[in-house]
Amino acid sequence: MTTATWNGTVIAESDDIVTVEGNAYFPLSSVAPGVLTPTDTTSHCPWKGDASYFSVVADGQTNADAAWTYRAPKEAAAEITDRVAFWKGVVVS
Protein backbone atom coordinates (compact mmCIF):
# COMPACT_ATOMS: atom_id res chain seq x y z
CA MET A 1 0.00 0.00 0.00
CA THR A 2 1.37 3.41 -0.99
CA THR A 3 0.47 6.25 1.36
CA ALA A 4 0.60 10.05 1.08
CA THR A 5 0.93 11.83 4.42
CA TRP A 6 1.07 15.49 5.32
CA ASN A 7 0.96 17.22 8.67
CA GLY A 8 0.61 13.86 10.43
CA THR A 9 -2.50 12.93 8.45
CA VAL A 10 -2.87 10.20 5.83
CA ILE A 11 -4.36 12.06 2.87
CA ALA A 12 -4.33 9.24 0.28
CA GLU A 13 -3.55 5.55 0.10
CA SER A 14 -3.80 2.99 -2.65
CA ASP A 15 -2.30 -0.16 -4.14
CA ASP A 16 -3.09 1.27 -7.60
CA ILE A 17 -0.23 3.72 -8.20
CA VAL A 18 1.14 4.93 -11.53
CA THR A 19 4.67 6.36 -11.32
CA VAL A 20 5.66 8.97 -13.91
CA GLU A 21 8.91 10.93 -13.74
CA GLY A 22 9.40 9.78 -10.15
CA ASN A 23 5.98 10.98 -8.99
CA ALA A 24 3.38 8.59 -7.60
CA TYR A 25 -0.04 9.28 -9.10
CA PHE A 26 -2.90 8.16 -6.85
CA PRO A 27 -6.45 7.57 -8.08
CA LEU A 28 -8.50 10.64 -7.18
CA SER A 29 -10.92 8.26 -5.48
CA SER A 30 -8.18 7.24 -3.01
CA VAL A 31 -7.82 10.75 -1.56
CA ALA A 32 -9.53 11.37 1.77
CA PRO A 33 -12.68 13.52 1.48
CA GLY A 34 -12.16 17.24 2.08
CA VAL A 35 -8.37 17.13 1.67
CA LEU A 36 -8.10 18.75 -1.78
CA THR A 37 -9.15 22.32 -2.48
CA PRO A 38 -8.86 23.49 -6.11
CA THR A 39 -6.67 26.54 -6.79
CA ASP A 40 -6.22 28.75 -9.85
CA THR A 41 -2.63 27.52 -10.39
CA THR A 42 -1.84 25.72 -13.64
CA SER A 43 1.27 24.53 -15.45
CA HIS A 44 2.06 22.96 -18.79
CA CYS A 45 4.10 19.87 -19.66
CA PRO A 46 4.93 19.38 -23.34
CA TRP A 47 4.10 15.65 -23.29
CA LYS A 48 1.53 15.36 -20.47
CA GLY A 49 -0.51 18.50 -21.10
CA ASP A 50 -1.97 21.09 -18.72
CA ALA A 51 -1.95 20.48 -14.98
CA SER A 52 -4.38 21.92 -12.43
CA TYR A 53 -3.38 22.27 -8.78
CA PHE A 54 -4.97 21.76 -5.38
CA SER A 55 -4.10 22.90 -1.90
CA VAL A 56 -3.90 20.09 0.63
CA VAL A 57 -5.82 20.69 3.86
CA ALA A 58 -5.07 18.49 6.87
CA ASP A 59 -5.43 18.98 10.61
CA GLY A 60 -6.52 22.60 10.13
CA GLN A 61 -3.50 23.61 8.05
CA THR A 62 -3.22 24.33 4.33
CA ASN A 63 -0.33 23.40 2.03
CA ALA A 64 -0.88 25.60 -1.05
CA ASP A 65 -0.63 23.95 -4.47
CA ALA A 66 0.76 20.72 -2.98
CA ALA A 67 -1.12 18.43 -5.37
CA TRP A 68 -1.76 18.38 -9.09
CA THR A 69 -3.74 16.51 -11.70
CA TYR A 70 -3.95 16.41 -15.48
CA ARG A 71 -7.70 16.66 -16.11
CA ALA A 72 -7.30 15.82 -19.81
CA PRO A 73 -3.76 14.50 -20.32
CA LYS A 74 -2.30 14.04 -23.77
CA GLU A 75 -2.47 10.55 -25.23
CA ALA A 76 1.13 9.79 -24.20
CA ALA A 77 0.12 10.30 -20.55
CA ALA A 78 -3.33 8.69 -20.64
CA GLU A 79 -2.37 6.40 -17.73
CA ILE A 80 -2.56 9.36 -15.30
CA THR A 81 -6.15 10.27 -16.18
CA ASP A 82 -8.22 10.77 -12.98
CA ARG A 83 -5.07 10.67 -10.81
CA VAL A 84 -3.33 13.10 -8.49
CA ALA A 85 0.29 13.51 -7.40
CA PHE A 86 1.78 15.35 -4.42
CA TRP A 87 4.85 17.42 -3.51
CA LYS A 88 5.77 20.34 -1.19
CA GLY A 89 6.38 18.26 1.91
CA VAL A 90 3.77 15.56 1.32
CA VAL A 91 5.52 12.28 2.13
CA VAL A 92 4.77 9.37 -0.19
CA SER A 93 5.87 5.99 1.13
PDB file of N, CA and C in Angstrom:
ATOM      1  N   MET A   1       0.850  -1.182   0.000  1.00  0.00           N
ATOM      2  CA  MET A   1       0.000   0.000   0.000  1.00  0.00           C
ATOM      3  C   MET A   1       0.896   1.246   0.000  1.00  0.00           C
ATOM      4  N   THR A   2       0.650   2.133  -0.931  1.00  0.00           N
ATOM      5  CA  THR A   2       1.366   3.408  -0.986  1.00  0.00           C
ATOM      6  C   THR A   2       0.515   4.455  -0.293  1.00  0.00           C
ATOM      7  N   THR A   3       1.169   5.268   0.536  1.00  0.00           N
ATOM      8  CA  THR A   3       0.468   6.249   1.358  1.00  0.00           C
ATOM      9  C   THR A   3       1.050   7.637   1.142  1.00  0.00           C
ATOM     10  N   ALA A   4       0.188   8.642   1.094  1.00  0.00           N
ATOM     11  CA  ALA A   4       0.604  10.047   1.079  1.00  0.00           C
ATOM     12  C   ALA A   4       0.195  10.654   2.413  1.00  0.00           C
ATOM     13  N   THR A   5       1.173  11.266   3.097  1.00  0.00           N
ATOM     14  CA  THR A   5       0.931  11.827   4.424  1.00  0.00           C
ATOM     15  C   THR A   5       1.419  13.270   4.461  1.00  0.00           C
ATOM     16  N   TRP A   6       0.626  14.110   5.087  1.00  0.00           N
ATOM     17  CA  TRP A   6       1.067  15.494   5.320  1.00  0.00           C
ATOM     18  C   TRP A   6       0.512  15.971   6.651  1.00  0.00           C
ATOM     19  N   ASN A   7       1.365  16.640   7.400  1.00  0.00           N
ATOM     20  CA  ASN A   7       0.960  17.220   8.672  1.00  0.00           C
ATOM     21  C   ASN A   7       0.416  16.153   9.621  1.00  0.00           C
ATOM     22  N   GLY A   8       1.009  14.939   9.539  1.00  0.00           N
ATOM     23  CA  GLY A   8       0.613  13.859  10.426  1.00  0.00           C
ATOM     24  C   GLY A   8      -0.678  13.159  10.049  1.00  0.00           C
ATOM     25  N   THR A   9      -1.225  13.482   8.880  1.00  0.00           N
ATOM     26  CA  THR A   9      -2.499  12.928   8.450  1.00  0.00           C
ATOM     27  C   THR A   9      -2.315  12.148   7.149  1.00  0.00           C
ATOM     28  N   VAL A  10      -2.857  10.942   7.081  1.00  0.00           N
ATOM     29  CA  VAL A  10      -2.873  10.196   5.826  1.00  0.00           C
ATOM     30  C   VAL A  10      -3.905  10.866   4.929  1.00  0.00           C
ATOM     31  N   ILE A  11      -3.448  11.350   3.772  1.00  0.00           N
ATOM     32  CA  ILE A  11      -4.361  12.056   2.868  1.00  0.00           C
ATOM     33  C   ILE A  11      -4.769  11.213   1.665  1.00  0.00           C
ATOM     34  N   ALA A  12      -3.980  10.165   1.371  1.00  0.00           N
ATOM     35  CA  ALA A  12      -4.333   9.241   0.282  1.00  0.00           C
ATOM     36  C   ALA A  12      -3.595   7.937   0.504  1.00  0.00           C
ATOM     37  N   GLU A  13      -4.232   6.839   0.085  1.00  0.00           N
ATOM     38  CA  GLU A  13      -3.546   5.550   0.104  1.00  0.00           C
ATOM     39  C   GLU A  13      -4.186   4.633  -0.917  1.00  0.00           C
ATOM     40  N   SER A  14      -3.310   3.866  -1.598  1.00  0.00           N
ATOM     41  CA  SER A  14      -3.804   2.986  -2.649  1.00  0.00           C
ATOM     42  C   SER A  14      -2.738   1.968  -3.034  1.00  0.00           C
ATOM     43  N   ASP A  15      -3.192   0.830  -3.528  1.00  0.00           N
ATOM     44  CA  ASP A  15      -2.303  -0.156  -4.143  1.00  0.00           C
ATOM     45  C   ASP A  15      -2.215   0.074  -5.650  1.00  0.00           C
ATOM     46  N   ASP A  16      -3.017   0.982  -6.165  1.00  0.00           N
ATOM     47  CA  ASP A  16      -3.094   1.265  -7.597  1.00  0.00           C
ATOM     48  C   ASP A  16      -2.373   2.584  -7.887  1.00  0.00           C
ATOM     49  N   ILE A  17      -1.052   2.532  -7.993  1.00  0.00           N
ATOM     50  CA  ILE A  17      -0.228   3.720  -8.202  1.00  0.00           C
ATOM     51  C   ILE A  17       0.403   3.662  -9.586  1.00  0.00           C
ATOM     52  N   VAL A  18       0.415   4.799 -10.268  1.00  0.00           N
ATOM     53  CA  VAL A  18       1.138   4.934 -11.527  1.00  0.00           C
ATOM     54  C   VAL A  18       2.280   5.913 -11.260  1.00  0.00           C
ATOM     55  N   THR A  19       3.511   5.495 -11.550  1.00  0.00           N
ATOM     56  CA  THR A  19       4.668   6.361 -11.324  1.00  0.00           C
ATOM     57  C   THR A  19       5.137   6.934 -12.653  1.00  0.00           C
ATOM     58  N   VAL A  20       5.201   8.259 -12.718  1.00  0.00           N
ATOM     59  CA  VAL A  20       5.658   8.969 -13.907  1.00  0.00           C
ATOM     60  C   VAL A  20       6.663  10.024 -13.459  1.00  0.00           C
ATOM     61  N   GLU A  21       7.843   9.983 -14.049  1.00  0.00           N
ATOM     62  CA  GLU A  21       8.909  10.934 -13.737  1.00  0.00           C
ATOM     63  C   GLU A  21       9.172  11.010 -12.232  1.00  0.00           C
ATOM     64  N   GLY A  22       9.121   9.859 -11.574  1.00  0.00           N
ATOM     65  CA  GLY A  22       9.405   9.781 -10.147  1.00  0.00           C
ATOM     66  C   GLY A  22       8.269  10.194  -9.233  1.00  0.00           C
ATOM     67  N   ASN A  23       7.137  10.571  -9.798  1.00  0.00           N
ATOM     68  CA  ASN A  23       5.978  10.981  -8.990  1.00  0.00           C
ATOM     69  C   ASN A  23       4.935   9.874  -8.966  1.00  0.00           C
ATOM     70  N   ALA A  24       4.431   9.591  -7.778  1.00  0.00           N
ATOM     71  CA  ALA A  24       3.376   8.591  -7.604  1.00  0.00           C
ATOM     72  C   ALA A  24       2.029   9.262  -7.832  1.00  0.00           C
ATOM     73  N   TYR A  25       1.289   8.767  -8.812  1.00  0.00           N
ATOM     74  CA  TYR A  25      -0.044   9.283  -9.103  1.00  0.00           C
ATOM     75  C   TYR A  25      -1.080   8.349  -8.493  1.00  0.00           C
ATOM     76  N   PHE A  26      -1.849   8.889  -7.562  1.00  0.00           N
ATOM     77  CA  PHE A  26      -2.895   8.156  -6.855  1.00  0.00           C
ATOM     78  C   PHE A  26      -4.221   8.344  -7.584  1.00  0.00           C
ATOM     79  N   PRO A  27      -5.099   7.341  -7.558  1.00  0.00           N
ATOM     80  CA  PRO A  27      -6.452   7.567  -8.077  1.00  0.00           C
ATOM     81  C   PRO A  27      -7.121   8.678  -7.257  1.00  0.00           C
ATOM     82  N   LEU A  28      -7.813   9.580  -7.922  1.00  0.00           N
ATOM     83  CA  LEU A  28      -8.503  10.643  -7.182  1.00  0.00           C
ATOM     84  C   LEU A  28      -9.437  10.056  -6.136  1.00  0.00           C
ATOM     85  N   SER A  29      -9.999   8.900  -6.414  1.00  0.00           N
ATOM     86  CA  SER A  29     -10.924   8.261  -5.480  1.00  0.00           C
ATOM     87  C   SER A  29     -10.239   7.773  -4.203  1.00  0.00           C
ATOM     88  N   SER A  30      -8.902   7.719  -4.192  1.00  0.00           N
ATOM     89  CA  SER A  30      -8.183   7.241  -3.009  1.00  0.00           C
ATOM     90  C   SER A  30      -7.831   8.367  -2.036  1.00  0.00           C
ATOM     91  N   VAL A  31      -8.130   9.594  -2.410  1.00  0.00           N
ATOM     92  CA  VAL A  31      -7.823  10.748  -1.561  1.00  0.00           C
ATOM     93  C   VAL A  31      -8.940  10.929  -0.536  1.00  0.00           C
ATOM     94  N   ALA A  32      -8.553  11.179   0.701  1.00  0.00           N
ATOM     95  CA  ALA A  32      -9.534  11.375   1.773  1.00  0.00           C
ATOM     96  C   ALA A  32     -10.456  12.554   1.439  1.00  0.00           C
ATOM     97  N   PRO A  33     -11.736  12.433   1.755  1.00  0.00           N
ATOM     98  CA  PRO A  33     -12.680  13.523   1.485  1.00  0.00           C
ATOM     99  C   PRO A  33     -12.260  14.813   2.188  1.00  0.00           C
ATOM    100  N   GLY A  34     -12.420  15.939   1.501  1.00  0.00           N
ATOM    101  CA  GLY A  34     -12.157  17.244   2.080  1.00  0.00           C
ATOM    102  C   GLY A  34     -10.702  17.658   2.114  1.00  0.00           C
ATOM    103  N   VAL A  35      -9.803  16.824   1.608  1.00  0.00           N
ATOM    104  CA  VAL A  35      -8.367  17.127   1.668  1.00  0.00           C
ATOM    105  C   VAL A  35      -7.933  18.078   0.554  1.00  0.00           C
ATOM    106  N   LEU A  36      -8.519  17.953  -0.632  1.00  0.00           N
ATOM    107  CA  LEU A  36      -8.097  18.750  -1.782  1.00  0.00           C
ATOM    108  C   LEU A  36      -9.022  19.932  -2.020  1.00  0.00           C
ATOM    109  N   THR A  37      -8.415  21.113  -2.151  1.00  0.00           N
ATOM    110  CA  THR A  37      -9.150  22.323  -2.475  1.00  0.00           C
ATOM    111  C   THR A  37      -8.581  22.874  -3.781  1.00  0.00           C
ATOM    112  N   PRO A  38      -9.380  22.996  -4.836  1.00  0.00           N
ATOM    113  CA  PRO A  38      -8.856  23.492  -6.111  1.00  0.00           C
ATOM    114  C   PRO A  38      -8.296  24.906  -5.984  1.00  0.00           C
ATOM    115  N   THR A  39      -7.226  25.189  -6.723  1.00  0.00           N
ATOM    116  CA  THR A  39      -6.666  26.543  -6.786  1.00  0.00           C
ATOM    117  C   THR A  39      -6.686  26.991  -8.247  1.00  0.00           C
ATOM    118  N   ASP A  40      -6.268  28.219  -8.493  1.00  0.00           N
ATOM    119  CA  ASP A  40      -6.217  28.752  -9.854  1.00  0.00           C
ATOM    120  C   ASP A  40      -4.886  28.447 -10.540  1.00  0.00           C
ATOM    121  N   THR A  41      -3.966  27.785  -9.850  1.00  0.00           N
ATOM    122  CA  THR A  41      -2.635  27.517 -10.390  1.00  0.00           C
ATOM    123  C   THR A  41      -2.703  26.445 -11.479  1.00  0.00           C
ATOM    124  N   THR A  42      -1.967  26.684 -12.556  1.00  0.00           N
ATOM    125  CA  THR A  42      -1.844  25.717 -13.642  1.00  0.00           C
ATOM    126  C   THR A  42      -0.392  25.674 -14.096  1.00  0.00           C
ATOM    127  N   SER A  43      -0.041  24.612 -14.808  1.00  0.00           N
ATOM    128  CA  SER A  43       1.267  24.529 -15.449  1.00  0.00           C
ATOM    129  C   SER A  43       1.107  23.695 -16.709  1.00  0.00           C
ATOM    130  N   HIS A  44       2.134  23.695 -17.536  1.00  0.00           N
ATOM    131  CA  HIS A  44       2.064  22.957 -18.795  1.00  0.00           C
ATOM    132  C   HIS A  44       3.283  22.059 -18.950  1.00  0.00           C
ATOM    133  N   CYS A  45       3.053  20.825 -19.326  1.00  0.00           N
ATOM    134  CA  CYS A  45       4.103  19.871 -19.657  1.00  0.00           C
ATOM    135  C   CYS A  45       3.958  19.547 -21.145  1.00  0.00           C
ATOM    136  N   PRO A  46       5.045  19.619 -21.905  1.00  0.00           N
ATOM    137  CA  PRO A  46       4.935  19.376 -23.345  1.00  0.00           C
ATOM    138  C   PRO A  46       4.359  18.008 -23.713  1.00  0.00           C
ATOM    139  N   TRP A  47       4.597  16.978 -22.899  1.00  0.00           N
ATOM    140  CA  TRP A  47       4.099  15.653 -23.290  1.00  0.00           C
ATOM    141  C   TRP A  47       2.915  15.172 -22.467  1.00  0.00           C
ATOM    142  N   LYS A  48       2.680  15.772 -21.277  1.00  0.00           N
ATOM    143  CA  LYS A  48       1.526  15.355 -20.471  1.00  0.00           C
ATOM    144  C   LYS A  48       0.327  16.277 -20.666  1.00  0.00           C
ATOM    145  N   GLY A  49       0.576  17.556 -20.907  1.00  0.00           N
ATOM    146  CA  GLY A  49      -0.511  18.504 -21.096  1.00  0.00           C
ATOM    147  C   GLY A  49      -0.564  19.546 -19.990  1.00  0.00           C
ATOM    148  N   ASP A  50      -1.760  20.029 -19.703  1.00  0.00           N
ATOM    149  CA  ASP A  50      -1.966  21.091 -18.721  1.00  0.00           C
ATOM    150  C   ASP A  50      -2.377  20.511 -17.374  1.00  0.00           C
ATOM    151  N   ALA A  51      -1.678  20.939 -16.338  1.00  0.00           N
ATOM    152  CA  ALA A  51      -1.953  20.482 -14.976  1.00  0.00           C
ATOM    153  C   ALA A  51      -2.748  21.538 -14.218  1.00  0.00           C
ATOM    154  N   SER A  52      -3.632  21.067 -13.362  1.00  0.00           N
ATOM    155  CA  SER A  52      -4.378  21.919 -12.431  1.00  0.00           C
ATOM    156  C   SER A  52      -3.947  21.525 -11.025  1.00  0.00           C
ATOM    157  N   TYR A  53      -3.914  22.508 -10.124  1.00  0.00           N
ATOM    158  CA  TYR A  53      -3.385  22.275  -8.783  1.00  0.00           C
ATOM    159  C   TYR A  53      -4.461  22.356  -7.709  1.00  0.00           C
ATOM    160  N   PHE A  54      -4.125  21.737  -6.576  1.00  0.00           N
ATOM    161  CA  PHE A  54      -4.970  21.762  -5.384  1.00  0.00           C
ATOM    162  C   PHE A  54      -4.113  22.129  -4.186  1.00  0.00           C
ATOM    163  N   SER A  55      -4.716  22.788  -3.226  1.00  0.00           N
ATOM    164  CA  SER A  55      -4.104  22.901  -1.904  1.00  0.00           C
ATOM    165  C   SER A  55      -4.513  21.672  -1.110  1.00  0.00           C
ATOM    166  N   VAL A  56      -3.622  21.224  -0.248  1.00  0.00           N
ATOM    167  CA  VAL A  56      -3.896  20.086   0.625  1.00  0.00           C
ATOM    168  C   VAL A  56      -4.237  20.643   2.005  1.00  0.00           C
ATOM    169  N   VAL A  57      -5.370  20.227   2.552  1.00  0.00           N
ATOM    170  CA  VAL A  57      -5.816  20.686   3.861  1.00  0.00           C
ATOM    171  C   VAL A  57      -5.854  19.483   4.799  1.00  0.00           C
ATOM    172  N   ALA A  58      -5.100  19.582   5.898  1.00  0.00           N
ATOM    173  CA  ALA A  58      -5.068  18.490   6.872  1.00  0.00           C
ATOM    174  C   ALA A  58      -4.827  19.062   8.259  1.00  0.00           C
ATOM    175  N   ASP A  59      -5.574  18.570   9.217  1.00  0.00           N
ATOM    176  CA  ASP A  59      -5.430  18.982  10.612  1.00  0.00           C
ATOM    177  C   ASP A  59      -5.452  20.506  10.760  1.00  0.00           C
ATOM    178  N   GLY A  60      -6.331  21.155  10.003  1.00  0.00           N
ATOM    179  CA  GLY A  60      -6.521  22.596  10.131  1.00  0.00           C
ATOM    180  C   GLY A  60      -5.469  23.448   9.454  1.00  0.00           C
ATOM    181  N   GLN A  61      -4.536  22.841   8.732  1.00  0.00           N
ATOM    182  CA  GLN A  61      -3.501  23.608   8.047  1.00  0.00           C
ATOM    183  C   GLN A  61      -3.593  23.378   6.544  1.00  0.00           C
ATOM    184  N   THR A  62      -3.141  24.388   5.784  1.00  0.00           N
ATOM    185  CA  THR A  62      -3.218  24.334   4.332  1.00  0.00           C
ATOM    186  C   THR A  62      -1.829  24.376   3.724  1.00  0.00           C
ATOM    187  N   ASN A  63      -1.574  23.471   2.791  1.00  0.00           N
ATOM    188  CA  ASN A  63      -0.332  23.401   2.027  1.00  0.00           C
ATOM    189  C   ASN A  63      -0.702  23.788   0.591  1.00  0.00           C
ATOM    190  N   ALA A  64      -0.437  25.051   0.231  1.00  0.00           N
ATOM    191  CA  ALA A  64      -0.883  25.599  -1.050  1.00  0.00           C
ATOM    192  C   ALA A  64      -0.242  24.892  -2.240  1.00  0.00           C
ATOM    193  N   ASP A  65      -1.075  24.538  -3.205  1.00  0.00           N
ATOM    194  CA  ASP A  65      -0.629  23.952  -4.475  1.00  0.00           C
ATOM    195  C   ASP A  65       0.252  22.719  -4.282  1.00  0.00           C
ATOM    196  N   ALA A  66      -0.058  21.896  -3.305  1.00  0.00           N
ATOM    197  CA  ALA A  66       0.757  20.723  -2.983  1.00  0.00           C
ATOM    198  C   ALA A  66       0.334  19.467  -3.729  1.00  0.00           C
ATOM    199  N   ALA A  67      -0.672  19.580  -4.588  1.00  0.00           N
ATOM    200  CA  ALA A  67      -1.116  18.431  -5.368  1.00  0.00           C
ATOM    201  C   ALA A  67      -1.499  18.909  -6.765  1.00  0.00           C
ATOM    202  N   TRP A  68      -1.365  18.014  -7.735  1.00  0.00           N
ATOM    203  CA  TRP A  68      -1.758  18.379  -9.087  1.00  0.00           C
ATOM    204  C   TRP A  68      -2.362  17.190  -9.814  1.00  0.00           C
ATOM    205  N   THR A  69      -3.127  17.526 -10.845  1.00  0.00           N
ATOM    206  CA  THR A  69      -3.736  16.513 -11.699  1.00  0.00           C
ATOM    207  C   THR A  69      -3.733  17.014 -13.127  1.00  0.00           C
ATOM    208  N   TYR A  70      -3.768  16.092 -14.067  1.00  0.00           N
ATOM    209  CA  TYR A  70      -3.951  16.412 -15.478  1.00  0.00           C
ATOM    210  C   TYR A  70      -5.371  15.996 -15.824  1.00  0.00           C
ATOM    211  N   ARG A  71      -6.275  16.959 -15.899  1.00  0.00           N
ATOM    212  CA  ARG A  71      -7.696  16.656 -16.110  1.00  0.00           C
ATOM    213  C   ARG A  71      -7.941  15.986 -17.474  1.00  0.00           C
ATOM    214  N   ALA A  72      -7.177  16.397 -18.467  1.00  0.00           N
ATOM    215  CA  ALA A  72      -7.298  15.815 -19.812  1.00  0.00           C
ATOM    216  C   ALA A  72      -5.886  15.641 -20.375  1.00  0.00           C
ATOM    217  N   PRO A  73      -5.144  14.658 -19.868  1.00  0.00           N
ATOM    218  CA  PRO A  73      -3.760  14.503 -20.322  1.00  0.00           C
ATOM    219  C   PRO A  73      -3.691  14.134 -21.802  1.00  0.00           C
ATOM    220  N   LYS A  74      -2.539  14.453 -22.383  1.00  0.00           N
ATOM    221  CA  LYS A  74      -2.300  14.045 -23.770  1.00  0.00           C
ATOM    222  C   LYS A  74      -2.254  12.518 -23.839  1.00  0.00           C
ATOM    223  N   GLU A  75      -2.408  11.993 -25.038  1.00  0.00           N
ATOM    224  CA  GLU A  75      -2.475  10.547 -25.228  1.00  0.00           C
ATOM    225  C   GLU A  75      -1.268   9.821 -24.631  1.00  0.00           C
ATOM    226  N   ALA A  76      -0.093  10.422 -24.724  1.00  0.00           N
ATOM    227  CA  ALA A  76       1.126   9.788 -24.198  1.00  0.00           C
ATOM    228  C   ALA A  76       1.076   9.601 -22.684  1.00  0.00           C
ATOM    229  N   ALA A  77       0.224  10.369 -22.012  1.00  0.00           N
ATOM    230  CA  ALA A  77       0.117  10.304 -20.553  1.00  0.00           C
ATOM    231  C   ALA A  77      -1.263   9.827 -20.102  1.00  0.00           C
ATOM    232  N   ALA A  78      -1.959   9.125 -20.949  1.00  0.00           N
ATOM    233  CA  ALA A  78      -3.329   8.694 -20.643  1.00  0.00           C
ATOM    234  C   ALA A  78      -3.422   7.897 -19.345  1.00  0.00           C
ATOM    235  N   GLU A  79      -2.341   7.223 -18.949  1.00  0.00           N
ATOM    236  CA  GLU A  79      -2.370   6.402 -17.733  1.00  0.00           C
ATOM    237  C   GLU A  79      -2.552   7.218 -16.456  1.00  0.00           C
ATOM    238  N   ILE A  80      -2.382   8.551 -16.517  1.00  0.00           N
ATOM    239  CA  ILE A  80      -2.564   9.363 -15.303  1.00  0.00           C
ATOM    240  C   ILE A  80      -3.907  10.090 -15.283  1.00  0.00           C
ATOM    241  N   THR A  81      -4.797   9.711 -16.183  1.00  0.00           N
ATOM    242  CA  THR A  81      -6.152  10.269 -16.181  1.00  0.00           C
ATOM    243  C   THR A  81      -6.826   9.941 -14.839  1.00  0.00           C
ATOM    244  N   ASP A  82      -7.495  10.934 -14.247  1.00  0.00           N
ATOM    245  CA  ASP A  82      -8.221  10.774 -12.978  1.00  0.00           C
ATOM    246  C   ASP A  82      -7.290  10.400 -11.826  1.00  0.00           C
ATOM    247  N   ARG A  83      -6.056  10.929 -11.873  1.00  0.00           N
ATOM    248  CA  ARG A  83      -5.069  10.668 -10.814  1.00  0.00           C
ATOM    249  C   ARG A  83      -4.484  11.982 -10.317  1.00  0.00           C
ATOM    250  N   VAL A  84      -3.916  11.926  -9.125  1.00  0.00           N
ATOM    251  CA  VAL A  84      -3.326  13.104  -8.489  1.00  0.00           C
ATOM    252  C   VAL A  84      -1.966  12.737  -7.909  1.00  0.00           C
ATOM    253  N   ALA A  85      -1.031  13.691  -7.980  1.00  0.00           N
ATOM    254  CA  ALA A  85       0.294  13.512  -7.396  1.00  0.00           C
ATOM    255  C   ALA A  85       0.537  14.637  -6.389  1.00  0.00           C
ATOM    256  N   PHE A  86       1.522  14.422  -5.524  1.00  0.00           N
ATOM    257  CA  PHE A  86       1.783  15.354  -4.421  1.00  0.00           C
ATOM    258  C   PHE A  86       3.245  15.784  -4.387  1.00  0.00           C
ATOM    259  N   TRP A  87       3.490  16.923  -3.757  1.00  0.00           N
ATOM    260  CA  TRP A  87       4.851  17.416  -3.506  1.00  0.00           C
ATOM    261  C   TRP A  87       4.773  18.401  -2.349  1.00  0.00           C
ATOM    262  N   LYS A  88       5.761  19.282  -2.210  1.00  0.00           N
ATOM    263  CA  LYS A  88       5.769  20.341  -1.195  1.00  0.00           C
ATOM    264  C   LYS A  88       5.586  19.785   0.224  1.00  0.00           C
ATOM    265  N   GLY A  89       6.386  18.781   0.555  1.00  0.00           N
ATOM    266  CA  GLY A  89       6.375  18.261   1.914  1.00  0.00           C
ATOM    267  C   GLY A  89       5.435  17.102   2.170  1.00  0.00           C
ATOM    268  N   VAL A  90       4.623  16.748   1.180  1.00  0.00           N
ATOM    269  CA  VAL A  90       3.769  15.564   1.323  1.00  0.00           C
ATOM    270  C   VAL A  90       4.690  14.347   1.166  1.00  0.00           C
ATOM    271  N   VAL A  91       4.656  13.458   2.144  1.00  0.00           N
ATOM    272  CA  VAL A  91       5.517  12.280   2.131  1.00  0.00           C
ATOM    273  C   VAL A  91       4.763  11.116   1.511  1.00  0.00           C
ATOM    274  N   VAL A  92       5.362  10.538   0.468  1.00  0.00           N
ATOM    275  CA  VAL A  92       4.772   9.373  -0.188  1.00  0.00           C
ATOM    276  C   VAL A  92       5.651   8.181   0.120  1.00  0.00           C
ATOM    277  N   SER A  93       5.071   7.167   0.747  1.00  0.00           N
ATOM    278  CA  SER A  93       5.871   5.989   1.125  1.00  0.00           C
ATOM    279  C   SER A  93       5.060   4.711   0.944  1.00  0.00           C
TER     280      SER A  93
END
